[in-house]
Each structure stands twice: as C-alpha cells, then as structure tokens.
Amino acid sequence: MNKKQEQQILDYYSTADKYIHSRTHSSAHQTVFTKESDKYQWLVLEQKSQCEVEVRQTDSHGTITARDNYELTRNLPKCVGVERLCEGANFQIPFNADEINLIYQFGEQGKAETCASLSAILPQIKDDNTKQIVSDTLKKLNALSEKTCAELTATTKRRKLTERDHSIKARLARAKEQAKQPTVAEGKRHRTHSKGKGDMTL
C-alpha cells in the first residue's frame, strides 16, 4: 500500500475530529491512526496481502465497530467488504453491494432519517427482489447504534462520491485522448488528399 492509497482510505473515515498517525502503534504490516481527543479510537489499516487491506475502526472503549476490506488497485482502493458492529451484541453485520448502494442513495445524517427515507420508498416498489433488499437494509441499519449508522452513511457517501468523480475524470481523459487520435475515416481522407491530382478518387 503506497502513501496515496493510504491517504485515500483515511479520507473516507475522516471526520471533524481528525485521525493522527501513531508511530508508536504502527508497524511494518499495519498503520495505526488515533484521535487526539481519545487515544482508544483507532483506525487501523492492515496489509493482508500485496493487494488486500483490512480497515478496522474502534470506539472510545477500544471495541471494533467497523471492519472493511479493500482491494488495492492502481487507481482507487476498491471496497469489497463492509461490516458494522451490532448494537448490544458482539458480532459484525455484513452489508452487500446492493445495500451499500441504497445507503449511498438514501442515507441521511441520522439513523432515524435514513430509515425513514428507506421506509418511504418501500410501498412504491413493485419488484419483490428489490423490496427484499430494502427491507434487509432497514433491518441491518436498525440493528446499529446511532453513531455507527451515521459513520457508515458518511463513509459510504465519501467513498462513492470519490469513485464517481474519479470515474468522470477517467472518462473525460479517455474522451480527450480519443479526440486527439484521427479516426479511420479521417485517415483515409488524409491519404486520398495527399495523392497526386490525377490519382484523386471520387
């Protein structure tokens, strides 16, 4: 994991109370960030393999509240797994890609607002599969604490907006590159005009 990838992941989890790099707790295989206001709130980036990183977030008691997995790509680190701690229990709740997309689209600042936003669309959904996805997402969000739910929504939105902006920039760069290259038709036209007048074709 290079510094750019590390910073990108860190930005997804940053709040007003920023994380600070801890040299004391970091090692060759993991980078640890702590909060100045609370030394027990850690953000740990652990390199699992050359292309995999596990991100763990802890609360003020040192309990792991979030566990996310990323694939390190050449461009943006790609999130491939999301888990959040169930309130009042000692297990993590996994969220799949469809559920994360719903949180991105309908997530609000607070847990109640997000759940209300998702509940409002349920009666309008005709497709049973989609209805099940929304119901499952609601059930999982309701099982999270207020703070964990808010952090999940904020992290999801930051990551998805970064991915969207990066995708737009990449598409624009590709379009700009293609505009520079002459098309097949232009190439033919150029070759035709470069021949002698007697050789010109109609």
N, C-alpha and C. Protein backbone atom coordinates (compact mmCIF):
# COMPACT_ATOMS: atom_id res chain seq x y z
N MET A 1 0.84 -1.20 0.00
CA MET A 1 0.00 0.00 0.00
C MET A 1 0.88 1.25 0.00
N ASN A 2 0.73 2.06 -1.02
CA ASN A 2 1.53 3.27 -1.07
C ASN A 2 0.84 4.41 -0.30
N LYS A 3 1.55 5.52 -0.14
CA LYS A 3 1.04 6.64 0.66
C LYS A 3 -0.24 7.24 0.09
N LYS A 4 -0.34 7.25 -1.24
CA LYS A 4 -1.53 7.81 -1.89
C LYS A 4 -2.76 6.95 -1.57
N GLN A 5 -2.61 5.63 -1.66
CA GLN A 5 -3.71 4.70 -1.35
C GLN A 5 -4.09 4.81 0.12
N GLU A 6 -3.08 4.91 0.98
CA GLU A 6 -3.31 5.04 2.42
C GLU A 6 -4.10 6.30 2.73
N GLN A 7 -3.70 7.42 2.13
CA GLN A 7 -4.38 8.70 2.36
C GLN A 7 -5.81 8.67 1.83
N GLN A 8 -6.01 8.01 0.69
CA GLN A 8 -7.33 7.91 0.10
C GLN A 8 -8.29 7.19 1.05
N ILE A 9 -7.84 6.06 1.60
CA ILE A 9 -8.67 5.30 2.55
C ILE A 9 -8.92 6.12 3.81
N LEU A 10 -7.89 6.77 4.30
CA LEU A 10 -8.01 7.60 5.51
C LEU A 10 -9.07 8.69 5.33
N ASP A 11 -9.09 9.29 4.14
CA ASP A 11 -10.06 10.36 3.85
C ASP A 11 -11.51 9.87 3.95
N TYR A 12 -11.76 8.61 3.62
CA TYR A 12 -13.12 8.07 3.70
C TYR A 12 -13.65 8.07 5.13
N TYR A 13 -12.75 7.90 6.10
CA TYR A 13 -13.15 7.75 7.50
C TYR A 13 -12.92 9.02 8.33
N SER A 14 -12.43 10.07 7.69
CA SER A 14 -12.11 11.30 8.42
C SER A 14 -13.37 12.09 8.78
N THR A 15 -13.35 12.63 9.98
CA THR A 15 -14.45 13.49 10.44
C THR A 15 -13.84 14.81 10.89
N ALA A 16 -14.66 15.65 11.55
CA ALA A 16 -14.15 16.93 12.05
C ALA A 16 -13.03 16.68 13.08
N ASP A 17 -13.18 15.57 13.83
CA ASP A 17 -12.17 15.17 14.80
C ASP A 17 -11.19 14.23 14.10
N LYS A 18 -10.17 14.78 13.47
CA LYS A 18 -9.33 14.03 12.55
C LYS A 18 -8.43 12.98 13.22
N TYR A 19 -8.11 11.95 12.43
CA TYR A 19 -7.18 10.91 12.87
C TYR A 19 -5.74 11.40 12.68
N ILE A 20 -4.88 11.01 13.62
CA ILE A 20 -3.47 11.38 13.56
C ILE A 20 -2.63 10.10 13.51
N HIS A 21 -1.62 10.07 12.65
CA HIS A 21 -0.77 8.90 12.51
C HIS A 21 -0.02 8.61 13.81
N SER A 22 -0.11 7.36 14.28
CA SER A 22 0.57 6.97 15.51
C SER A 22 1.81 6.13 15.18
N ARG A 23 2.98 6.69 15.38
CA ARG A 23 4.23 5.95 15.13
C ARG A 23 4.42 4.86 16.19
N THR A 24 3.91 5.12 17.39
CA THR A 24 4.07 4.16 18.49
C THR A 24 3.40 2.83 18.21
N HIS A 25 2.18 2.88 17.67
CA HIS A 25 1.40 1.66 17.47
C HIS A 25 1.51 1.06 16.06
N SER A 26 2.04 1.83 15.13
CA SER A 26 2.17 1.33 13.75
C SER A 26 3.34 0.36 13.64
N SER A 27 3.25 -0.53 12.65
CA SER A 27 4.33 -1.50 12.41
C SER A 27 4.51 -1.66 10.90
N ALA A 28 5.33 -2.63 10.51
CA ALA A 28 5.59 -2.87 9.09
C ALA A 28 4.34 -3.33 8.35
N HIS A 29 3.44 -4.01 9.06
CA HIS A 29 2.25 -4.57 8.41
C HIS A 29 0.96 -3.78 8.63
N GLN A 30 0.99 -2.86 9.57
CA GLN A 30 -0.22 -2.07 9.79
C GLN A 30 0.09 -0.63 10.17
N THR A 31 -0.76 0.27 9.69
CA THR A 31 -0.64 1.69 10.02
C THR A 31 -1.78 2.04 10.95
N VAL A 32 -1.46 2.65 12.08
CA VAL A 32 -2.47 2.99 13.08
C VAL A 32 -2.62 4.50 13.18
N PHE A 33 -3.89 4.93 13.20
CA PHE A 33 -4.22 6.34 13.40
C PHE A 33 -5.07 6.45 14.66
N THR A 34 -4.82 7.45 15.48
CA THR A 34 -5.60 7.67 16.69
C THR A 34 -6.21 9.07 16.65
N LYS A 35 -7.15 9.32 17.57
CA LYS A 35 -7.76 10.64 17.66
C LYS A 35 -7.16 11.37 18.85
N GLU A 36 -6.86 12.64 18.65
CA GLU A 36 -6.22 13.42 19.70
C GLU A 36 -7.08 13.48 20.95
N SER A 37 -8.40 13.51 20.73
CA SER A 37 -9.34 13.65 21.85
C SER A 37 -9.53 12.33 22.61
N ASP A 38 -9.22 11.20 21.96
CA ASP A 38 -9.44 9.89 22.58
C ASP A 38 -8.46 8.88 22.02
N LYS A 39 -7.53 8.44 22.83
CA LYS A 39 -6.47 7.53 22.38
C LYS A 39 -6.97 6.11 22.10
N TYR A 40 -8.20 5.78 22.49
CA TYR A 40 -8.72 4.44 22.25
C TYR A 40 -9.44 4.32 20.90
N GLN A 41 -9.77 5.46 20.29
CA GLN A 41 -10.44 5.43 18.99
C GLN A 41 -9.37 5.30 17.91
N TRP A 42 -9.24 4.10 17.40
CA TRP A 42 -8.21 3.80 16.40
C TRP A 42 -8.82 3.58 15.03
N LEU A 43 -8.02 3.88 14.02
CA LEU A 43 -8.31 3.46 12.65
C LEU A 43 -7.06 2.68 12.22
N VAL A 44 -7.25 1.39 11.98
CA VAL A 44 -6.11 0.52 11.66
C VAL A 44 -6.20 0.07 10.20
N LEU A 45 -5.13 0.29 9.45
CA LEU A 45 -5.04 -0.18 8.07
C LEU A 45 -4.01 -1.31 8.05
N GLU A 46 -4.51 -2.53 7.95
CA GLU A 46 -3.62 -3.69 8.00
C GLU A 46 -3.50 -4.34 6.63
N GLN A 47 -2.27 -4.46 6.17
CA GLN A 47 -1.99 -5.08 4.87
C GLN A 47 -2.09 -6.59 5.01
N LYS A 48 -3.12 -7.20 4.40
CA LYS A 48 -3.33 -8.64 4.50
C LYS A 48 -2.53 -9.40 3.43
N SER A 49 -2.38 -8.76 2.28
CA SER A 49 -1.57 -9.31 1.19
C SER A 49 -1.11 -8.14 0.34
N GLN A 50 -0.44 -8.42 -0.74
CA GLN A 50 0.06 -7.34 -1.60
C GLN A 50 -1.08 -6.47 -2.13
N CYS A 51 -2.26 -7.08 -2.33
CA CYS A 51 -3.39 -6.35 -2.93
C CYS A 51 -4.59 -6.20 -2.00
N GLU A 52 -4.45 -6.61 -0.74
CA GLU A 52 -5.60 -6.55 0.18
C GLU A 52 -5.27 -5.79 1.46
N VAL A 53 -6.22 -4.95 1.88
CA VAL A 53 -6.07 -4.20 3.12
C VAL A 53 -7.37 -4.31 3.93
N GLU A 54 -7.22 -4.59 5.22
CA GLU A 54 -8.38 -4.59 6.11
C GLU A 54 -8.34 -3.31 6.94
N VAL A 55 -9.48 -2.62 7.00
CA VAL A 55 -9.58 -1.38 7.77
C VAL A 55 -10.48 -1.63 8.97
N ARG A 56 -9.96 -1.34 10.18
CA ARG A 56 -10.75 -1.52 11.39
C ARG A 56 -10.87 -0.19 12.13
N GLN A 57 -12.06 0.06 12.62
CA GLN A 57 -12.33 1.28 13.36
C GLN A 57 -12.78 0.89 14.77
N THR A 58 -12.24 1.53 15.81
CA THR A 58 -12.65 1.21 17.17
C THR A 58 -13.30 2.42 17.84
N ASP A 59 -14.13 2.15 18.86
CA ASP A 59 -14.78 3.24 19.59
C ASP A 59 -13.94 3.65 20.79
N SER A 60 -14.49 4.50 21.66
CA SER A 60 -13.73 5.03 22.81
C SER A 60 -13.40 3.97 23.85
N HIS A 61 -13.99 2.76 23.72
CA HIS A 61 -13.67 1.65 24.62
C HIS A 61 -12.69 0.66 23.99
N GLY A 62 -12.30 0.93 22.74
CA GLY A 62 -11.38 0.03 22.03
C GLY A 62 -12.08 -1.13 21.34
N THR A 63 -13.44 -1.10 21.29
CA THR A 63 -14.22 -2.16 20.63
C THR A 63 -14.27 -1.89 19.13
N ILE A 64 -14.06 -2.94 18.32
CA ILE A 64 -14.11 -2.78 16.87
C ILE A 64 -15.57 -2.56 16.43
N THR A 65 -15.84 -1.41 15.83
CA THR A 65 -17.19 -1.07 15.38
C THR A 65 -17.35 -1.20 13.87
N ALA A 66 -16.22 -1.21 13.17
CA ALA A 66 -16.26 -1.31 11.71
C ALA A 66 -15.10 -2.15 11.21
N ARG A 67 -15.41 -2.99 10.21
CA ARG A 67 -14.36 -3.79 9.56
C ARG A 67 -14.65 -3.81 8.06
N ASP A 68 -13.79 -3.14 7.30
CA ASP A 68 -13.98 -3.05 5.85
C ASP A 68 -12.76 -3.63 5.14
N ASN A 69 -12.99 -4.21 3.98
CA ASN A 69 -11.90 -4.77 3.19
C ASN A 69 -11.77 -4.07 1.85
N TYR A 70 -10.53 -3.82 1.46
CA TYR A 70 -10.25 -3.12 0.20
C TYR A 70 -9.28 -3.92 -0.66
N GLU A 71 -9.50 -3.84 -1.97
CA GLU A 71 -8.53 -4.34 -2.94
C GLU A 71 -7.74 -3.14 -3.42
N LEU A 72 -6.43 -3.26 -3.42
CA LEU A 72 -5.61 -2.14 -3.86
C LEU A 72 -5.45 -2.18 -5.38
N THR A 73 -6.07 -1.24 -6.04
CA THR A 73 -5.96 -1.14 -7.50
C THR A 73 -4.99 -0.02 -7.83
N ARG A 74 -4.65 0.11 -9.08
CA ARG A 74 -3.69 1.13 -9.50
C ARG A 74 -4.27 2.54 -9.30
N ASN A 75 -5.60 2.64 -9.43
CA ASN A 75 -6.24 3.95 -9.30
C ASN A 75 -6.75 4.17 -7.88
N LEU A 76 -8.00 3.77 -7.62
CA LEU A 76 -8.58 3.94 -6.29
C LEU A 76 -8.67 2.60 -5.57
N PRO A 77 -8.42 2.57 -4.24
CA PRO A 77 -8.65 1.33 -3.50
C PRO A 77 -10.14 0.96 -3.62
N LYS A 78 -10.42 -0.29 -3.95
CA LYS A 78 -11.79 -0.73 -4.19
C LYS A 78 -12.34 -1.46 -2.96
N CYS A 79 -13.44 -0.96 -2.40
CA CYS A 79 -14.04 -1.57 -1.22
C CYS A 79 -14.78 -2.84 -1.64
N VAL A 80 -14.44 -3.98 -1.01
CA VAL A 80 -15.05 -5.26 -1.39
C VAL A 80 -15.78 -5.93 -0.23
N GLY A 81 -15.76 -5.29 0.93
CA GLY A 81 -16.45 -5.88 2.09
C GLY A 81 -16.72 -4.84 3.15
N VAL A 82 -17.95 -4.82 3.69
CA VAL A 82 -18.34 -3.84 4.71
C VAL A 82 -19.04 -4.56 5.86
N GLU A 83 -18.55 -4.35 7.09
CA GLU A 83 -19.19 -4.93 8.28
C GLU A 83 -19.27 -3.88 9.37
N ARG A 84 -20.38 -3.88 10.12
CA ARG A 84 -20.55 -2.96 11.25
C ARG A 84 -21.05 -3.70 12.48
N LEU A 85 -20.63 -3.25 13.66
CA LEU A 85 -20.97 -3.91 14.91
C LEU A 85 -22.45 -3.75 15.24
N CYS A 86 -23.08 -4.87 15.59
CA CYS A 86 -24.48 -4.85 16.01
C CYS A 86 -24.55 -4.23 17.40
N GLU A 87 -25.49 -3.32 17.60
CA GLU A 87 -25.61 -2.66 18.90
C GLU A 87 -26.04 -3.66 19.97
N GLY A 88 -25.35 -3.64 21.10
CA GLY A 88 -25.70 -4.51 22.21
C GLY A 88 -25.31 -5.96 22.02
N ALA A 89 -24.52 -6.26 20.99
CA ALA A 89 -24.09 -7.64 20.73
C ALA A 89 -22.63 -7.63 20.28
N ASN A 90 -22.03 -8.81 20.30
CA ASN A 90 -20.61 -8.89 19.94
C ASN A 90 -20.41 -9.57 18.59
N PHE A 91 -21.13 -9.10 17.56
CA PHE A 91 -20.89 -9.62 16.21
C PHE A 91 -21.08 -8.52 15.19
N GLN A 92 -20.43 -8.72 14.05
CA GLN A 92 -20.46 -7.74 12.97
C GLN A 92 -21.55 -8.09 11.97
N ILE A 93 -22.24 -7.06 11.46
CA ILE A 93 -23.29 -7.25 10.45
C ILE A 93 -22.71 -6.92 9.07
N PRO A 94 -22.73 -7.88 8.14
CA PRO A 94 -22.19 -7.60 6.80
C PRO A 94 -23.22 -6.88 5.91
N PHE A 95 -22.74 -5.96 5.10
CA PHE A 95 -23.58 -5.25 4.12
C PHE A 95 -23.07 -5.59 2.73
N ASN A 96 -23.97 -6.01 1.84
CA ASN A 96 -23.55 -6.33 0.47
C ASN A 96 -23.58 -5.08 -0.41
N ALA A 97 -23.17 -5.24 -1.66
CA ALA A 97 -23.05 -4.09 -2.59
C ALA A 97 -24.38 -3.38 -2.81
N ASP A 98 -25.48 -4.14 -2.96
CA ASP A 98 -26.80 -3.53 -3.17
C ASP A 98 -27.22 -2.69 -1.97
N GLU A 99 -26.95 -3.21 -0.77
CA GLU A 99 -27.33 -2.50 0.45
C GLU A 99 -26.50 -1.23 0.62
N ILE A 100 -25.22 -1.30 0.26
CA ILE A 100 -24.35 -0.12 0.34
C ILE A 100 -24.80 0.95 -0.65
N ASN A 101 -25.23 0.53 -1.84
CA ASN A 101 -25.73 1.49 -2.83
C ASN A 101 -26.99 2.20 -2.34
N LEU A 102 -27.85 1.46 -1.64
CA LEU A 102 -29.06 2.07 -1.07
C LEU A 102 -28.70 3.11 -0.01
N ILE A 103 -27.72 2.77 0.82
CA ILE A 103 -27.28 3.71 1.88
C ILE A 103 -26.71 4.97 1.24
N TYR A 104 -25.99 4.80 0.15
CA TYR A 104 -25.44 5.95 -0.58
C TYR A 104 -26.56 6.83 -1.14
N GLN A 105 -27.56 6.20 -1.74
CA GLN A 105 -28.64 6.95 -2.39
C GLN A 105 -29.61 7.58 -1.40
N PHE A 106 -29.95 6.88 -0.31
CA PHE A 106 -30.99 7.35 0.59
C PHE A 106 -30.50 7.71 1.99
N GLY A 107 -29.20 7.59 2.23
CA GLY A 107 -28.65 7.88 3.56
C GLY A 107 -28.79 9.35 3.92
N GLU A 108 -29.22 9.59 5.16
CA GLU A 108 -29.32 10.95 5.70
C GLU A 108 -28.32 11.07 6.84
N GLN A 109 -28.32 12.24 7.49
CA GLN A 109 -27.34 12.46 8.56
C GLN A 109 -27.55 11.55 9.76
N GLY A 110 -28.79 11.32 10.14
CA GLY A 110 -29.08 10.49 11.31
C GLY A 110 -29.67 9.15 10.93
N LYS A 111 -29.64 8.22 11.89
CA LYS A 111 -30.18 6.87 11.68
C LYS A 111 -31.69 6.91 11.41
N ALA A 112 -32.42 7.68 12.21
CA ALA A 112 -33.87 7.76 12.07
C ALA A 112 -34.27 8.30 10.69
N GLU A 113 -33.55 9.33 10.25
CA GLU A 113 -33.85 9.93 8.94
C GLU A 113 -33.55 8.97 7.79
N THR A 114 -32.44 8.24 7.90
CA THR A 114 -32.08 7.26 6.86
C THR A 114 -33.12 6.15 6.79
N CYS A 115 -33.52 5.62 7.94
CA CYS A 115 -34.52 4.54 7.98
C CYS A 115 -35.88 5.05 7.47
N ALA A 116 -36.21 6.30 7.80
CA ALA A 116 -37.48 6.88 7.33
C ALA A 116 -37.46 7.04 5.81
N SER A 117 -36.30 7.44 5.29
CA SER A 117 -36.13 7.63 3.84
C SER A 117 -36.31 6.31 3.09
N LEU A 118 -35.76 5.22 3.64
CA LEU A 118 -35.89 3.90 3.02
C LEU A 118 -37.30 3.34 3.19
N SER A 119 -37.90 3.57 4.36
CA SER A 119 -39.27 3.10 4.62
C SER A 119 -40.26 3.76 3.67
N ALA A 120 -40.00 5.01 3.31
CA ALA A 120 -40.91 5.76 2.43
C ALA A 120 -40.98 5.19 1.03
N ILE A 121 -39.88 4.55 0.56
CA ILE A 121 -39.89 4.02 -0.81
C ILE A 121 -40.44 2.59 -0.89
N LEU A 122 -40.51 1.91 0.26
CA LEU A 122 -40.97 0.51 0.26
C LEU A 122 -42.32 0.30 -0.41
N PRO A 123 -43.36 1.10 -0.07
CA PRO A 123 -44.68 0.87 -0.69
C PRO A 123 -44.71 1.07 -2.21
N GLN A 124 -43.74 1.82 -2.72
CA GLN A 124 -43.72 2.12 -4.17
C GLN A 124 -43.03 1.05 -4.99
N ILE A 125 -42.31 0.14 -4.32
CA ILE A 125 -41.53 -0.88 -5.04
C ILE A 125 -42.41 -2.06 -5.44
N LYS A 126 -42.40 -2.37 -6.73
CA LYS A 126 -43.21 -3.48 -7.26
C LYS A 126 -42.41 -4.79 -7.30
N ASP A 127 -41.11 -4.67 -7.57
CA ASP A 127 -40.25 -5.85 -7.70
C ASP A 127 -39.96 -6.46 -6.33
N ASP A 128 -40.27 -7.76 -6.19
CA ASP A 128 -40.11 -8.44 -4.89
C ASP A 128 -38.66 -8.49 -4.43
N ASN A 129 -37.75 -8.70 -5.38
CA ASN A 129 -36.33 -8.79 -5.05
C ASN A 129 -35.81 -7.47 -4.50
N THR A 130 -36.17 -6.37 -5.17
CA THR A 130 -35.75 -5.04 -4.72
C THR A 130 -36.35 -4.71 -3.36
N LYS A 131 -37.62 -5.09 -3.18
CA LYS A 131 -38.30 -4.86 -1.90
C LYS A 131 -37.58 -5.59 -0.77
N GLN A 132 -37.11 -6.80 -1.06
CA GLN A 132 -36.39 -7.59 -0.05
C GLN A 132 -35.06 -6.93 0.32
N ILE A 133 -34.38 -6.38 -0.69
CA ILE A 133 -33.09 -5.70 -0.45
C ILE A 133 -33.28 -4.49 0.46
N VAL A 134 -34.34 -3.71 0.19
CA VAL A 134 -34.63 -2.52 1.00
C VAL A 134 -34.99 -2.94 2.43
N SER A 135 -35.81 -3.99 2.56
CA SER A 135 -36.21 -4.49 3.88
C SER A 135 -35.00 -4.98 4.67
N ASP A 136 -34.11 -5.71 4.00
CA ASP A 136 -32.91 -6.22 4.66
C ASP A 136 -32.00 -5.08 5.12
N THR A 137 -31.89 -4.05 4.26
CA THR A 137 -31.05 -2.89 4.61
C THR A 137 -31.61 -2.19 5.83
N LEU A 138 -32.92 -2.01 5.87
CA LEU A 138 -33.58 -1.36 7.01
C LEU A 138 -33.34 -2.15 8.30
N LYS A 139 -33.49 -3.45 8.21
CA LYS A 139 -33.31 -4.33 9.37
C LYS A 139 -31.89 -4.20 9.92
N LYS A 140 -30.91 -4.19 9.01
CA LYS A 140 -29.50 -4.11 9.41
C LYS A 140 -29.18 -2.74 10.03
N LEU A 141 -29.70 -1.67 9.42
CA LEU A 141 -29.44 -0.33 9.94
C LEU A 141 -30.05 -0.15 11.32
N ASN A 142 -31.24 -0.70 11.51
CA ASN A 142 -31.91 -0.60 12.82
C ASN A 142 -31.14 -1.33 13.92
N ALA A 143 -30.30 -2.30 13.52
CA ALA A 143 -29.52 -3.07 14.50
C ALA A 143 -28.22 -2.36 14.89
N LEU A 144 -27.91 -1.23 14.24
CA LEU A 144 -26.69 -0.47 14.54
C LEU A 144 -26.98 0.63 15.55
N SER A 145 -25.94 1.07 16.24
CA SER A 145 -26.09 2.22 17.13
C SER A 145 -26.23 3.48 16.28
N GLU A 146 -26.71 4.53 16.89
CA GLU A 146 -26.88 5.82 16.19
C GLU A 146 -25.56 6.28 15.58
N LYS A 147 -24.48 6.22 16.38
CA LYS A 147 -23.18 6.69 15.92
C LYS A 147 -22.61 5.82 14.80
N THR A 148 -22.71 4.49 14.95
CA THR A 148 -22.19 3.57 13.93
C THR A 148 -22.92 3.75 12.62
N CYS A 149 -24.23 3.94 12.70
CA CYS A 149 -25.04 4.14 11.49
C CYS A 149 -24.65 5.44 10.78
N ALA A 150 -24.48 6.50 11.56
CA ALA A 150 -24.09 7.80 10.98
C ALA A 150 -22.72 7.72 10.33
N GLU A 151 -21.78 7.01 10.98
CA GLU A 151 -20.42 6.86 10.42
C GLU A 151 -20.43 6.02 9.14
N LEU A 152 -21.27 4.97 9.14
CA LEU A 152 -21.39 4.13 7.94
C LEU A 152 -21.91 4.95 6.76
N THR A 153 -22.93 5.76 7.00
CA THR A 153 -23.51 6.59 5.94
C THR A 153 -22.49 7.61 5.42
N ALA A 154 -21.81 8.27 6.36
CA ALA A 154 -20.82 9.30 5.97
C ALA A 154 -19.67 8.70 5.18
N THR A 155 -19.14 7.55 5.65
CA THR A 155 -18.03 6.89 4.96
C THR A 155 -18.46 6.42 3.57
N THR A 156 -19.66 5.84 3.49
CA THR A 156 -20.18 5.35 2.20
C THR A 156 -20.31 6.49 1.21
N LYS A 157 -20.86 7.61 1.65
CA LYS A 157 -21.07 8.76 0.75
C LYS A 157 -19.74 9.34 0.28
N ARG A 158 -18.76 9.46 1.21
CA ARG A 158 -17.45 9.98 0.81
C ARG A 158 -16.79 9.08 -0.23
N ARG A 159 -16.86 7.76 0.02
CA ARG A 159 -16.23 6.82 -0.89
C ARG A 159 -16.90 6.81 -2.26
N LYS A 160 -18.23 6.77 -2.27
CA LYS A 160 -18.99 6.71 -3.53
C LYS A 160 -18.82 7.99 -4.35
N LEU A 161 -18.78 9.13 -3.69
CA LEU A 161 -18.59 10.41 -4.40
C LEU A 161 -17.19 10.49 -5.00
N THR A 162 -16.20 9.99 -4.26
CA THR A 162 -14.82 9.95 -4.77
C THR A 162 -14.74 9.04 -5.99
N GLU A 163 -15.38 7.86 -5.89
CA GLU A 163 -15.39 6.90 -7.01
C GLU A 163 -16.08 7.51 -8.23
N ARG A 164 -17.20 8.21 -7.99
CA ARG A 164 -17.95 8.84 -9.09
C ARG A 164 -17.09 9.91 -9.77
N ASP A 165 -16.48 10.79 -8.96
CA ASP A 165 -15.65 11.86 -9.51
C ASP A 165 -14.46 11.30 -10.28
N HIS A 166 -13.87 10.24 -9.73
CA HIS A 166 -12.72 9.60 -10.38
C HIS A 166 -13.15 8.99 -11.71
N SER A 167 -14.33 8.39 -11.73
CA SER A 167 -14.86 7.76 -12.94
C SER A 167 -15.12 8.81 -14.03
N ILE A 168 -15.69 9.95 -13.61
CA ILE A 168 -15.97 11.04 -14.56
C ILE A 168 -14.65 11.58 -15.15
N LYS A 169 -13.65 11.78 -14.26
CA LYS A 169 -12.34 12.27 -14.72
C LYS A 169 -11.70 11.29 -15.69
N ALA A 170 -11.82 9.99 -15.37
CA ALA A 170 -11.22 8.96 -16.22
C ALA A 170 -11.90 8.94 -17.60
N ARG A 171 -13.25 9.06 -17.59
CA ARG A 171 -13.99 9.08 -18.87
C ARG A 171 -13.64 10.31 -19.70
N LEU A 172 -13.51 11.46 -19.05
CA LEU A 172 -13.15 12.69 -19.76
C LEU A 172 -11.74 12.59 -20.34
N ALA A 173 -10.84 11.99 -19.57
CA ALA A 173 -9.45 11.82 -20.04
C ALA A 173 -9.41 10.90 -21.26
N ARG A 174 -10.23 9.82 -21.21
CA ARG A 174 -10.29 8.89 -22.35
C ARG A 174 -10.87 9.58 -23.58
N ALA A 175 -11.92 10.37 -23.36
CA ALA A 175 -12.56 11.07 -24.48
C ALA A 175 -11.60 12.09 -25.10
N LYS A 176 -10.82 12.76 -24.24
CA LYS A 176 -9.84 13.74 -24.71
C LYS A 176 -8.76 13.05 -25.54
N GLU A 177 -8.34 11.88 -25.08
CA GLU A 177 -7.30 11.10 -25.77
C GLU A 177 -7.80 10.63 -27.13
N GLN A 178 -9.07 10.18 -27.16
CA GLN A 178 -9.65 9.70 -28.42
C GLN A 178 -9.83 10.83 -29.42
N ALA A 179 -10.12 12.03 -28.90
CA ALA A 179 -10.31 13.19 -29.77
C ALA A 179 -9.01 13.58 -30.47
N LYS A 180 -7.89 13.28 -29.81
CA LYS A 180 -6.57 13.60 -30.39
C LYS A 180 -6.23 12.68 -31.56
N GLN A 181 -6.71 11.41 -31.48
CA GLN A 181 -6.35 10.42 -32.49
C GLN A 181 -7.29 10.52 -33.70
N PRO A 182 -6.75 10.56 -34.92
CA PRO A 182 -7.62 10.62 -36.11
C PRO A 182 -8.41 9.33 -36.26
N THR A 183 -9.65 9.48 -36.70
CA THR A 183 -10.49 8.30 -36.91
C THR A 183 -10.06 7.58 -38.19
N VAL A 184 -10.59 6.40 -38.41
CA VAL A 184 -10.26 5.62 -39.62
C VAL A 184 -10.65 6.40 -40.87
N ALA A 185 -11.83 7.03 -40.84
CA ALA A 185 -12.32 7.80 -41.99
C ALA A 185 -11.41 8.99 -42.28
N GLU A 186 -10.99 9.69 -41.17
CA GLU A 186 -10.11 10.84 -41.35
C GLU A 186 -8.77 10.41 -41.94
N GLY A 187 -8.29 9.25 -41.51
CA GLY A 187 -7.03 8.72 -42.01
C GLY A 187 -7.10 8.45 -43.50
N LYS A 188 -8.21 7.86 -43.94
CA LYS A 188 -8.40 7.57 -45.37
C LYS A 188 -8.46 8.86 -46.16
N ARG A 189 -9.21 9.86 -45.61
CA ARG A 189 -9.37 11.12 -46.31
C ARG A 189 -8.01 11.80 -46.46
N HIS A 190 -7.22 11.74 -45.39
CA HIS A 190 -5.90 12.36 -45.42
C HIS A 190 -5.01 11.70 -46.48
N ARG A 191 -5.06 10.36 -46.57
CA ARG A 191 -4.23 9.64 -47.55
C ARG A 191 -4.69 9.95 -48.97
N THR A 192 -6.02 10.09 -49.18
CA THR A 192 -6.57 10.38 -50.51
C THR A 192 -6.11 11.74 -50.99
N HIS A 193 -6.18 12.76 -50.07
CA HIS A 193 -5.81 14.12 -50.47
C HIS A 193 -4.32 14.27 -50.67
N SER A 194 -3.54 13.39 -50.12
CA SER A 194 -2.10 13.51 -50.27
C SER A 194 -1.60 12.92 -51.60
N LYS A 195 -2.49 12.25 -52.36
CA LYS A 195 -2.09 11.70 -53.66
C LYS A 195 -2.02 12.82 -54.70
N GLY A 196 -1.44 12.52 -55.86
CA GLY A 196 -1.39 13.49 -56.94
C GLY A 196 -2.79 13.74 -57.47
N LYS A 197 -3.04 14.92 -58.12
CA LYS A 197 -4.39 15.28 -58.59
C LYS A 197 -4.93 14.24 -59.52
N GLY A 198 -4.08 13.70 -60.38
CA GLY A 198 -4.55 12.70 -61.36
C GLY A 198 -5.00 11.43 -60.72
N ASP A 199 -4.54 11.19 -59.51
CA ASP A 199 -4.87 9.94 -58.81
C ASP A 199 -6.07 10.08 -57.88
N MET A 200 -6.66 11.27 -57.75
CA MET A 200 -7.75 11.50 -56.78
C MET A 200 -8.97 10.66 -57.12
N THR A 201 -9.57 10.07 -56.11
CA THR A 201 -10.77 9.27 -56.32
C THR A 201 -12.01 10.07 -55.93
N LEU A 202 -13.15 9.75 -56.56
CA LEU A 202 -14.40 10.48 -56.24
C LEU A 202 -15.19 9.72 -55.21
